[in-house]
Structures are given as structure tokens and as C-alpha cells.
């Protein structure tokens, strides 16, 4: 049985709330799980203490028993120091103005 530590959605429409659960990888996202090991509330501020809550003891137990964290949960575990932080690619520059717009802005400023 392949175990995953992943998010299970709860909460109302447009008000997401997630439980961090240990589940069989074949079970549905919001379906059957083995144990709840934390929660994630994306509606709270990034620096709020209750945004991500983890049961450190149970998570280390499941990781030692072969459970694999999904990408998002691996980020949480990396920040908490429970597992190595996953590689996060550098932010793209698609939001910046293109070359000609940068040249026009430089000409107008200079």
C-alpha cells in the first residue's frame, strides 16, 4: 500500500480549508484517509501562527513508515524542518514589461 501525506479539502465554497491527512494514494482526494496529521487554512495571513498546523510526532512516524508527501505538503514540512525542503524553481519574469516597452520607458526616463 502506497501512502501519501496530502491535502483533503474542507470548508465552504470560496472559503477553502484543508486537512493534512495520511491516505492510500488510490483513495479520492476528499475520501477515505488513515489519519489527520494537521491542517492548512489559506484564508489566514502568511505569517499567522494558525495558517499551518502540524502534528510533528505523527508526521515523522508516517515518514519513517514510507509515506511520501505531495509537493505542497513537502513545502510545509520543509519550512517546519521535518523533511528536506523541495526544490522550488525561480520565479518567472513574465510579469515584467517586454524588451520594447523597457526601451520606451528608458527613453522616456532618460
C-alpha atoms as a PDB file:
ATOM      1  CA  UNK A   1       0.000   0.000   0.000  1.00  0.00           C
ATOM      2  CA  UNK A   2       1.447   3.338  -1.118  1.00  0.00           C
ATOM      3  CA  UNK A   3       0.903   6.082   1.436  1.00  0.00           C
ATOM      4  CA  UNK A   4       0.748   9.802   0.763  1.00  0.00           C
ATOM      5  CA  UNK A   5       0.655  12.778   3.086  1.00  0.00           C
ATOM      6  CA  UNK A   6      -1.626  15.178   1.227  1.00  0.00           C
ATOM      7  CA  UNK A   7      -4.306  17.824   1.480  1.00  0.00           C
ATOM      8  CA  UNK A   8      -8.014  16.995   1.739  1.00  0.00           C
ATOM      9  CA  UNK A   9     -10.312  19.917   1.059  1.00  0.00           C
ATOM     10  CA  UNK A  10     -12.965  21.015   3.518  1.00  0.00           C
ATOM     11  CA  UNK A  11     -14.750  24.300   4.042  1.00  0.00           C
ATOM     12  CA  UNK A  12     -17.426  26.126   2.117  1.00  0.00           C
ATOM     13  CA  UNK A  13     -17.482  27.367  -1.446  1.00  0.00           C
ATOM     14  CA  UNK A  14     -14.789  30.032  -1.963  1.00  0.00           C
ATOM     15  CA  UNK A  15     -13.682  29.547   1.667  1.00  0.00           C
ATOM     16  CA  UNK A  16     -11.102  26.747   1.423  1.00  0.00           C
ATOM     17  CA  UNK A  17      -9.782  24.872   4.412  1.00  0.00           C
ATOM     18  CA  UNK A  18      -7.590  21.789   4.134  1.00  0.00           C
ATOM     19  CA  UNK A  19      -6.846  18.869   6.412  1.00  0.00           C
ATOM     20  CA  UNK A  20      -3.391  17.347   6.069  1.00  0.00           C
ATOM     21  CA  UNK A  21      -4.032  13.615   6.009  1.00  0.00           C
ATOM     22  CA  UNK A  22      -2.217  10.330   5.536  1.00  0.00           C
ATOM     23  CA  UNK A  23      -4.076   8.311   2.905  1.00  0.00           C
ATOM     24  CA  UNK A  24      -3.679   5.479   0.459  1.00  0.00           C
ATOM     25  CA  UNK A  25      -2.603   7.005  -2.852  1.00  0.00           C
ATOM     26  CA  UNK A  26      -5.504   5.290  -4.646  1.00  0.00           C
ATOM     27  CA  UNK A  27      -8.233   6.826  -2.473  1.00  0.00           C
ATOM     28  CA  UNK A  28     -10.001  10.015  -3.663  1.00  0.00           C
ATOM     29  CA  UNK A  29      -8.819  13.458  -2.555  1.00  0.00           C
ATOM     30  CA  UNK A  30     -11.644  14.024  -0.075  1.00  0.00           C
ATOM     31  CA  UNK A  31     -12.338  10.353   0.508  1.00  0.00           C
ATOM     32  CA  UNK A  32     -11.077   7.752   2.923  1.00  0.00           C
ATOM     33  CA  UNK A  33      -7.916   8.509   4.889  1.00  0.00           C
ATOM     34  CA  UNK A  34      -5.928   6.830   7.639  1.00  0.00           C
ATOM     35  CA  UNK A  35      -5.148   9.725   9.970  1.00  0.00           C
ATOM     36  CA  UNK A  36      -5.354  13.523  10.175  1.00  0.00           C
ATOM     37  CA  UNK A  37      -1.946  14.971  10.952  1.00  0.00           C
ATOM     38  CA  UNK A  38      -2.552  18.692  10.557  1.00  0.00           C
ATOM     39  CA  UNK A  39      -4.462  21.476   8.870  1.00  0.00           C
ATOM     40  CA  UNK A  40      -3.902  24.340   6.432  1.00  0.00           C
ATOM     41  CA  UNK A  41      -6.038  27.488   6.290  1.00  0.00           C
ATOM     42  CA  UNK A  42      -5.065  29.572   3.229  1.00  0.00           C
ATOM     43  CA  UNK A  43      -7.522  32.311   4.218  1.00  0.00           C
ATOM     44  CA  UNK A  44      -5.241  33.430   7.068  1.00  0.00           C
ATOM     45  CA  UNK A  45      -2.248  35.735   6.628  1.00  0.00           C
ATOM     46  CA  UNK A  46       1.036  34.118   5.624  1.00  0.00           C
ATOM     47  CA  UNK A  47       2.708  34.887   8.954  1.00  0.00           C
ATOM     48  CA  UNK A  48      -0.286  33.814  11.104  1.00  0.00           C
ATOM     49  CA  UNK A  49       0.533  31.004  13.546  1.00  0.00           C
ATOM     50  CA  UNK A  50      -2.643  29.009  12.782  1.00  0.00           C
ATOM     51  CA  UNK A  51      -2.189  29.011   8.975  1.00  0.00           C
ATOM     52  CA  UNK A  52      -0.377  25.658   9.007  1.00  0.00           C
ATOM     53  CA  UNK A  53      -0.685  23.313  11.986  1.00  0.00           C
ATOM     54  CA  UNK A  54       1.278  20.053  12.004  1.00  0.00           C
ATOM     55  CA  UNK A  55       1.428  17.112  14.402  1.00  0.00           C
ATOM     56  CA  UNK A  56       5.217  16.717  14.251  1.00  0.00           C
ATOM     57  CA  UNK A  57       5.374  13.394  16.076  1.00  0.00           C
ATOM     58  CA  UNK A  58       2.811  11.659  13.848  1.00  0.00           C
ATOM     59  CA  UNK A  59       4.262  13.109  10.631  1.00  0.00           C
ATOM     60  CA  UNK A  60       7.754  11.825  11.451  1.00  0.00           C
ATOM     61  CA  UNK A  61       6.193   8.447  12.287  1.00  0.00           C
ATOM     62  CA  UNK A  62       4.461   8.217   8.909  1.00  0.00           C
ATOM     63  CA  UNK A  63       7.514   9.471   7.001  1.00  0.00           C
ATOM     64  CA  UNK A  64       9.625   6.775   8.663  1.00  0.00           C
ATOM     65  CA  UNK A  65       6.997   4.200   7.632  1.00  0.00           C
ATOM     66  CA  UNK A  66       7.334   5.115   3.961  1.00  0.00           C
ATOM     67  CA  UNK A  67       4.702   7.792   3.410  1.00  0.00           C
ATOM     68  CA  UNK A  68       5.550  10.338   0.711  1.00  0.00           C
ATOM     69  CA  UNK A  69       4.448  13.964   0.951  1.00  0.00           C
ATOM     70  CA  UNK A  70       2.908  15.760  -2.012  1.00  0.00           C
ATOM     71  CA  UNK A  71       4.589  18.929  -3.325  1.00  0.00           C
ATOM     72  CA  UNK A  72       2.532  21.401  -1.303  1.00  0.00           C
ATOM     73  CA  UNK A  73       2.769  19.391   1.915  1.00  0.00           C
ATOM     74  CA  UNK A  74       6.512  18.912   1.336  1.00  0.00           C
ATOM     75  CA  UNK A  75       6.865  22.716   1.357  1.00  0.00           C
ATOM     76  CA  UNK A  76       5.093  22.874   4.718  1.00  0.00           C
ATOM     77  CA  UNK A  77       7.295  20.098   6.111  1.00  0.00           C
ATOM     78  CA  UNK A  78      10.425  21.803   4.774  1.00  0.00           C
ATOM     79  CA  UNK A  79       9.527  25.081   6.496  1.00  0.00           C
ATOM     80  CA  UNK A  80       8.821  23.205   9.732  1.00  0.00           C
ATOM     81  CA  UNK A  81      12.134  21.321   9.500  1.00  0.00           C
ATOM     82  CA  UNK A  82      10.515  17.871   9.423  1.00  0.00           C
ATOM     83  CA  UNK A  83      11.815  16.950   5.969  1.00  0.00           C
ATOM     84  CA  UNK A  84      14.236  18.404   3.429  1.00  0.00           C
ATOM     85  CA  UNK A  85      12.696  21.330   1.568  1.00  0.00           C
ATOM     86  CA  UNK A  86      11.815  20.504  -2.056  1.00  0.00           C
ATOM     87  CA  UNK A  87      13.383  22.346  -4.980  1.00  0.00           C
ATOM     88  CA  UNK A  88      11.366  25.415  -5.879  1.00  0.00           C
ATOM     89  CA  UNK A  89      12.106  26.922  -9.308  1.00  0.00           C
ATOM     90  CA  UNK A  90      12.929  30.590  -9.609  1.00  0.00           C
ATOM     91  CA  UNK A  91      10.005  32.931 -10.284  1.00  0.00           C
ATOM     92  CA  UNK A  92       9.494  33.613 -13.987  1.00  0.00           C
ATOM     93  CA  UNK A  93       9.788  37.107 -15.413  1.00  0.00           C
ATOM     94  CA  UNK A  94       6.551  37.033 -17.410  1.00  0.00           C
ATOM     95  CA  UNK A  95       5.068  39.833 -15.336  1.00  0.00           C
ATOM     96  CA  UNK A  96       7.809  42.280 -16.387  1.00  0.00           C
ATOM     97  CA  UNK A  97       7.440  44.539 -19.447  1.00  0.00           C
ATOM     98  CA  UNK A  98       8.845  43.171 -22.697  1.00  0.00           C
ATOM     99  CA  UNK A  99      12.024  44.446 -24.345  1.00  0.00           C
ATOM    100  CA  UNK A 100      10.475  47.238 -26.445  1.00  0.00           C
ATOM    101  CA  UNK A 101       8.404  48.527 -23.530  1.00  0.00           C
ATOM    102  CA  UNK A 102      11.539  48.625 -21.360  1.00  0.00           C
ATOM    103  CA  UNK A 103      13.366  50.576 -24.096  1.00  0.00           C
ATOM    104  CA  UNK A 104      10.482  53.083 -24.345  1.00  0.00           C
ATOM    105  CA  UNK A 105      10.428  53.508 -20.561  1.00  0.00           C
ATOM    106  CA  UNK A 106      14.206  54.058 -20.522  1.00  0.00           C
ATOM    107  CA  UNK A 107      13.960  56.613 -23.321  1.00  0.00           C
ATOM    108  CA  UNK A 108      11.161  58.479 -21.561  1.00  0.00           C
ATOM    109  CA  UNK A 109      13.037  58.497 -18.265  1.00  0.00           C
ATOM    110  CA  UNK A 110      16.401  59.409 -19.743  1.00  0.00           C
END
